[in-house]
Amino acid sequence: MSSNLSRDISELSLDPESSSSTPQSTSTPPLSNGSGYSTTAQTSINHPKPLRNKKSSMNRLDSPLDTRPASPYTLNPPIDSDGLSWPSVGARKRIESNEEESKQREKRISDAVKVILEELGEDTNREGLLETPERYARAMLFFTKGYEDNIRDVIKRAVFEEDHDEMVIVRDIEIYSLCEHHLVPFFGKVHIGYIPNKKVLGLSKLARLAEMYSRRFQVQERLTKQIAMALTEILKPQGVAVVIEATHMCMVSRGIQKTGSSTVTSCMLGCFREAQKTREEFLGLLGKR
């Protein structure tokens, strides 16, 4: 890993109060509609006064900054009562499907893929594409299987009482996920550290947590935070730190097409967020090879 990783992340502002100089809105806090999204979500950005004439105002395009949904993982608990963790809308339906319903779902996906291929000008009857829609359907169901994983089955009985209060780190956990904006892969490594509070987790379970959340439609920022929040919920440790380094094919193979670029995100909770020395120790250990 580059020796600049520690410096790059440590320069990030981790204080939510100091992360923005924008004045906070005095409007009534938004109410949740139960699905994880705000019914009256508004940003605290002070927009300029309306444009001078009515015609110009009508032509102004709406911006995502004007109205944006609140992040689901900040409004919902990491673990639901049935053991699912931030499931998709149809996750439970997928889990409860019988064999016939599962086959019908796979058939609908493959039919949709066939339409896409035909609209792209391809011959879906040629040898190379003859069974591609079916293969793609099975692949997508695998790539998104993390929605169906029950966190209790992932962790099982791997939480142990242990008199240990020093840092535990598992680094270089390989992850593969799908960017939800373009449905193309991003992949890289996740580094997870925590300081126990009389409880430790089996080391392989840290990798399984990362796998569970990466096998979904994701953005790297959310993936980083979900892993950290879930581990905090499971162990109630003194602190949790998660760093992800990933390459995004939506940036490398299309768009700006900058090969070799990587994205680094971090989430620090508890003592990693509050104590600079603890955070620097974690980042320093990641920098050693």
Protein backbone atom coordinates (compact mmCIF):
# COMPACT_ATOMS: atom_id res chain seq x y z
CA MET A 1 0.00 0.00 0.00
CA SER A 2 1.17 3.46 -0.71
CA SER A 3 2.87 5.16 2.19
CA ASN A 4 0.71 8.18 1.48
CA LEU A 5 -2.49 6.35 2.59
CA SER A 6 -2.10 7.31 6.23
CA ARG A 7 -1.43 10.95 5.43
CA ASP A 8 -4.29 11.20 2.89
CA ILE A 9 -6.94 9.82 5.24
CA SER A 10 -5.69 11.53 8.39
CA GLU A 11 -6.12 14.86 6.62
CA LEU A 12 -9.84 14.19 6.19
CA SER A 13 -12.09 16.06 8.58
CA LEU A 14 -13.81 13.53 10.85
CA ASP A 15 -15.66 16.05 12.97
CA PRO A 16 -19.24 16.26 11.68
CA GLU A 17 -19.59 19.76 13.12
CA SER A 18 -16.52 21.06 11.36
CA SER A 19 -17.01 19.20 8.06
CA SER A 20 -19.05 22.01 6.61
CA SER A 21 -19.15 25.73 7.13
CA THR A 22 -22.67 25.91 5.72
CA PRO A 23 -25.23 27.32 8.13
CA GLN A 24 -27.69 24.74 9.39
CA SER A 25 -31.33 24.93 8.42
CA THR A 26 -33.81 25.94 11.09
CA SER A 27 -36.66 24.08 9.38
CA THR A 28 -38.57 21.30 11.13
CA PRO A 29 -36.63 17.99 11.07
CA PRO A 30 -37.86 15.57 8.41
CA LEU A 31 -40.08 12.68 9.40
CA SER A 32 -39.37 9.11 8.31
CA ASN A 33 -42.02 7.37 6.24
CA GLY A 34 -40.87 3.96 7.49
CA SER A 35 -38.96 3.03 4.34
CA GLY A 36 -35.77 4.79 5.36
CA TYR A 37 -36.44 7.94 3.37
CA SER A 38 -37.52 11.32 4.59
CA THR A 39 -40.96 12.57 3.65
CA THR A 40 -39.87 16.21 3.89
CA ALA A 41 -36.14 15.87 3.39
CA GLN A 42 -34.47 19.19 2.75
CA THR A 43 -30.86 20.27 2.68
CA SER A 44 -29.46 22.99 4.86
CA ILE A 45 -27.99 24.83 1.88
CA ASN A 46 -29.02 28.47 1.60
CA HIS A 47 -30.05 28.87 -2.03
CA PRO A 48 -29.88 32.25 -3.75
CA LYS A 49 -32.97 34.38 -4.14
CA PRO A 50 -35.39 33.46 -6.96
CA LEU A 51 -34.43 34.54 -10.46
CA ARG A 52 -35.60 37.96 -11.57
CA ASN A 53 -38.27 36.98 -14.05
CA LYS A 54 -40.89 34.27 -13.89
CA LYS A 55 -39.94 32.76 -17.26
CA SER A 56 -36.32 32.21 -16.23
CA SER A 57 -37.45 30.71 -12.93
CA MET A 58 -39.70 28.22 -14.72
CA ASN A 59 -36.83 27.12 -16.96
CA ARG A 60 -34.52 26.43 -14.04
CA LEU A 61 -33.75 22.72 -13.70
CA ASP A 62 -34.37 21.01 -10.39
CA SER A 63 -31.15 20.00 -8.69
CA PRO A 64 -30.54 16.98 -6.43
CA LEU A 65 -29.39 19.56 -3.88
CA ASP A 66 -32.91 20.96 -3.65
CA THR A 67 -34.50 17.71 -2.46
CA ARG A 68 -32.62 14.55 -1.61
CA PRO A 69 -33.56 11.39 0.28
CA ALA A 70 -32.04 10.81 3.68
CA SER A 71 -29.61 7.90 3.77
CA PRO A 72 -31.43 4.69 4.77
CA TYR A 73 -28.62 3.40 6.99
CA THR A 74 -28.80 6.47 9.20
CA LEU A 75 -32.52 6.06 9.87
CA ASN A 76 -32.79 2.27 10.18
CA PRO A 77 -30.99 -0.02 12.65
CA PRO A 78 -28.14 -2.17 11.24
CA ILE A 79 -29.95 -5.41 12.12
CA ASP A 80 -33.68 -5.99 11.67
CA SER A 81 -35.71 -8.15 14.04
CA ASP A 82 -35.55 -11.08 11.60
CA GLY A 83 -31.76 -10.83 11.27
CA LEU A 84 -31.60 -9.14 7.87
CA SER A 85 -29.37 -6.10 7.60
CA TRP A 86 -30.58 -3.16 5.50
CA PRO A 87 -32.46 -5.49 3.08
CA SER A 88 -33.68 -4.34 -0.31
CA VAL A 89 -37.41 -3.83 -0.90
CA GLY A 90 -37.83 -7.31 -2.38
CA ALA A 91 -35.25 -9.19 -0.30
CA ARG A 92 -37.75 -11.03 1.87
CA LYS A 93 -39.80 -11.99 -1.19
CA ARG A 94 -36.66 -13.50 -2.73
CA ILE A 95 -35.90 -15.42 0.46
CA GLU A 96 -39.43 -16.80 0.78
CA SER A 97 -39.73 -17.82 -2.88
CA ASN A 98 -40.23 -21.48 -3.65
CA GLU A 99 -38.38 -23.24 -6.47
CA GLU A 100 -41.01 -22.42 -9.09
CA GLU A 101 -41.12 -18.73 -8.15
CA SER A 102 -37.32 -18.55 -8.26
CA LYS A 103 -37.31 -20.03 -11.77
CA GLN A 104 -39.93 -17.52 -12.89
CA ARG A 105 -37.83 -14.66 -11.49
CA GLU A 106 -34.77 -15.91 -13.33
CA LYS A 107 -36.83 -16.23 -16.53
CA ARG A 108 -38.09 -12.64 -16.26
CA ILE A 109 -34.54 -11.35 -15.81
CA SER A 110 -33.24 -13.35 -18.78
CA ASP A 111 -36.12 -12.12 -20.98
CA ALA A 112 -35.27 -8.52 -20.06
CA VAL A 113 -31.60 -9.09 -20.89
CA LYS A 114 -32.57 -10.55 -24.26
CA VAL A 115 -34.49 -7.35 -25.03
CA ILE A 116 -31.44 -5.28 -24.10
CA LEU A 117 -29.19 -7.31 -26.40
CA GLU A 118 -31.65 -6.99 -29.26
CA GLU A 119 -31.94 -3.22 -28.73
CA LEU A 120 -28.14 -3.03 -28.90
CA GLY A 121 -28.36 -4.55 -32.37
CA GLU A 122 -27.18 -8.06 -31.49
CA ASP A 123 -28.45 -11.38 -32.77
CA THR A 124 -29.53 -13.30 -29.68
CA ASN A 125 -29.77 -16.49 -31.72
CA ARG A 126 -26.10 -16.63 -32.65
CA GLU A 127 -23.99 -19.23 -30.88
CA GLY A 128 -22.09 -16.91 -28.56
CA LEU A 129 -25.25 -15.25 -27.18
CA LEU A 130 -27.61 -18.20 -27.28
CA GLU A 131 -27.63 -18.77 -23.49
CA THR A 132 -26.15 -15.45 -22.39
CA PRO A 133 -29.43 -14.01 -20.98
CA GLU A 134 -29.84 -17.05 -18.70
CA ARG A 135 -26.21 -16.91 -17.60
CA TYR A 136 -26.50 -13.20 -16.90
CA ALA A 137 -29.65 -13.72 -14.82
CA ARG A 138 -27.91 -16.31 -12.64
CA ALA A 139 -24.87 -14.06 -12.32
CA MET A 140 -26.92 -11.06 -11.18
CA LEU A 141 -28.74 -13.13 -8.59
CA PHE A 142 -25.33 -14.19 -7.25
CA PHE A 143 -23.88 -10.68 -7.33
CA THR A 144 -26.80 -9.45 -5.19
CA LYS A 145 -27.12 -12.42 -2.83
CA GLY A 146 -25.91 -10.26 0.07
CA TYR A 147 -29.42 -8.86 0.48
CA GLU A 148 -30.64 -12.32 1.45
CA ASP A 149 -27.89 -13.08 3.98
CA ASN A 150 -29.05 -13.23 7.58
CA ILE A 151 -26.45 -11.59 9.77
CA ARG A 152 -27.09 -14.13 12.53
CA ASP A 153 -26.14 -16.91 10.12
CA VAL A 154 -23.06 -14.96 9.07
CA ILE A 155 -21.83 -14.38 12.63
CA LYS A 156 -23.26 -17.61 14.16
CA ARG A 157 -21.56 -18.28 17.54
CA ALA A 158 -18.32 -16.49 16.76
CA VAL A 159 -18.61 -13.76 19.44
CA PHE A 160 -16.35 -14.63 22.36
CA GLU A 161 -15.72 -13.14 25.80
CA GLU A 162 -12.07 -12.14 25.96
CA ASP A 163 -10.05 -9.86 28.23
CA HIS A 164 -8.39 -7.98 25.39
CA ASP A 165 -8.48 -4.24 24.88
CA GLU A 166 -5.85 -3.71 22.19
CA MET A 167 -6.38 -3.09 18.51
CA VAL A 168 -7.44 -5.96 16.25
CA ILE A 169 -6.95 -5.49 12.49
CA VAL A 170 -7.75 -7.68 9.50
CA ARG A 171 -6.49 -6.06 6.34
CA ASP A 172 -6.41 -6.75 2.61
CA ILE A 173 -9.84 -8.42 2.48
CA GLU A 174 -10.73 -8.64 -1.20
CA ILE A 175 -14.17 -7.36 -2.17
CA TYR A 176 -16.15 -7.31 -5.40
CA SER A 177 -19.30 -5.26 -5.75
CA LEU A 178 -21.56 -3.56 -8.30
CA CYS A 179 -21.81 0.20 -8.67
CA GLU A 180 -25.50 1.00 -8.41
CA HIS A 181 -25.17 3.98 -10.76
CA HIS A 182 -23.93 2.04 -13.81
CA LEU A 183 -24.29 -1.64 -12.77
CA VAL A 184 -20.61 -2.28 -13.48
CA PRO A 185 -18.11 -3.74 -11.01
CA PHE A 186 -15.87 -2.04 -8.51
CA PHE A 187 -13.36 -4.08 -6.59
CA GLY A 188 -10.52 -3.66 -4.14
CA LYS A 189 -9.54 -4.31 -0.55
CA VAL A 190 -11.12 -3.53 2.80
CA HIS A 191 -9.21 -3.10 6.05
CA ILE A 192 -11.16 -3.52 9.29
CA GLY A 193 -9.94 -2.67 12.79
CA TYR A 194 -11.60 -2.47 16.18
CA ILE A 195 -10.73 -2.20 19.86
CA PRO A 196 -12.68 -4.81 21.87
CA ASN A 197 -14.81 -4.11 24.90
CA LYS A 198 -14.63 -7.57 26.53
CA LYS A 199 -15.90 -9.20 23.31
CA VAL A 200 -14.03 -10.31 20.20
CA LEU A 201 -15.28 -11.65 16.87
CA GLY A 202 -13.88 -14.61 14.97
CA LEU A 203 -11.48 -13.16 12.41
CA SER A 204 -13.09 -14.85 9.41
CA LYS A 205 -16.40 -13.19 10.31
CA LEU A 206 -14.94 -9.77 9.54
CA ALA A 207 -14.30 -10.95 5.99
CA ARG A 208 -17.80 -12.45 5.84
CA LEU A 209 -19.34 -9.13 6.89
CA ALA A 210 -17.46 -7.37 4.11
CA GLU A 211 -18.61 -10.03 1.63
CA MET A 212 -22.24 -9.75 2.71
CA TYR A 213 -22.45 -6.01 2.17
CA SER A 214 -20.37 -5.99 -1.02
CA ARG A 215 -22.69 -8.51 -2.73
CA ARG A 216 -25.28 -5.80 -3.29
CA PHE A 217 -25.77 -2.77 -5.46
CA GLN A 218 -23.51 -0.34 -3.67
CA VAL A 219 -21.60 2.89 -3.52
CA GLN A 220 -18.24 2.65 -1.81
CA GLU A 221 -19.07 5.28 0.78
CA ARG A 222 -22.15 3.38 1.95
CA LEU A 223 -20.35 0.03 1.91
CA THR A 224 -17.64 1.42 4.19
CA LYS A 225 -20.14 2.77 6.69
CA GLN A 226 -22.37 -0.31 6.68
CA ILE A 227 -19.48 -2.60 7.64
CA ALA A 228 -18.44 -0.27 10.47
CA MET A 229 -21.96 0.23 11.83
CA ALA A 230 -22.78 -3.49 11.74
CA LEU A 231 -19.60 -4.40 13.62
CA THR A 232 -20.40 -1.73 16.19
CA GLU A 233 -23.89 -3.16 16.65
CA ILE A 234 -22.60 -6.73 17.04
CA LEU A 235 -19.70 -6.17 19.47
CA LYS A 236 -20.34 -2.79 21.11
CA PRO A 237 -16.56 -2.21 20.99
CA GLN A 238 -14.61 0.85 22.09
CA GLY A 239 -14.20 1.81 18.47
CA VAL A 240 -14.31 0.60 14.86
CA ALA A 241 -12.33 1.69 11.82
CA VAL A 242 -12.91 0.64 8.22
CA VAL A 243 -10.90 1.70 5.17
CA ILE A 244 -11.66 0.62 1.61
CA GLU A 245 -9.43 1.06 -1.44
CA ALA A 246 -11.20 0.22 -4.70
CA THR A 247 -11.05 0.60 -8.46
CA HIS A 248 -14.31 1.51 -10.18
CA MET A 249 -14.87 0.25 -13.71
CA CYS A 250 -17.42 3.02 -14.29
CA MET A 251 -14.50 5.44 -13.98
CA VAL A 252 -11.78 3.31 -15.61
CA SER A 253 -13.58 1.74 -18.59
CA ARG A 254 -16.01 4.56 -19.42
CA GLY A 255 -16.56 8.23 -18.68
CA ILE A 256 -13.28 9.87 -17.76
CA GLN A 257 -11.39 6.60 -18.49
CA LYS A 258 -8.57 7.19 -16.03
CA THR A 259 -6.87 3.83 -15.62
CA GLY A 260 -4.85 3.33 -12.48
CA SER A 261 -7.04 5.60 -10.38
CA SER A 262 -8.39 4.28 -7.09
CA THR A 263 -10.86 5.52 -4.50
CA VAL A 264 -10.17 5.46 -0.76
CA THR A 265 -12.97 5.81 1.80
CA SER A 266 -12.94 5.50 5.57
CA CYS A 267 -15.38 5.29 8.47
CA MET A 268 -14.15 5.85 12.02
CA LEU A 269 -16.44 5.26 14.99
CA GLY A 270 -15.93 5.46 18.74
CA CYS A 271 -12.38 6.00 19.96
CA PHE A 272 -11.02 5.93 16.39
CA ARG A 273 -13.08 9.02 15.68
CA GLU A 274 -12.47 10.77 18.98
CA ALA A 275 -8.78 10.02 19.60
CA GLN A 276 -6.30 11.16 16.96
CA LYS A 277 -3.49 8.94 18.29
CA THR A 278 -5.68 5.83 18.03
CA ARG A 279 -6.64 6.74 14.49
CA GLU A 280 -3.02 7.40 13.54
CA GLU A 281 -1.93 4.06 15.02
CA PHE A 282 -4.50 2.24 12.89
CA LEU A 283 -3.52 4.08 9.71
CA GLY A 284 0.16 3.60 10.50
CA LEU A 285 -0.30 -0.15 10.83
CA LEU A 286 -2.07 -0.26 7.50
CA GLY A 287 0.88 1.51 5.90
CA LYS A 288 3.39 -1.17 6.94
CA ARG A 289 4.31 -3.88 4.44
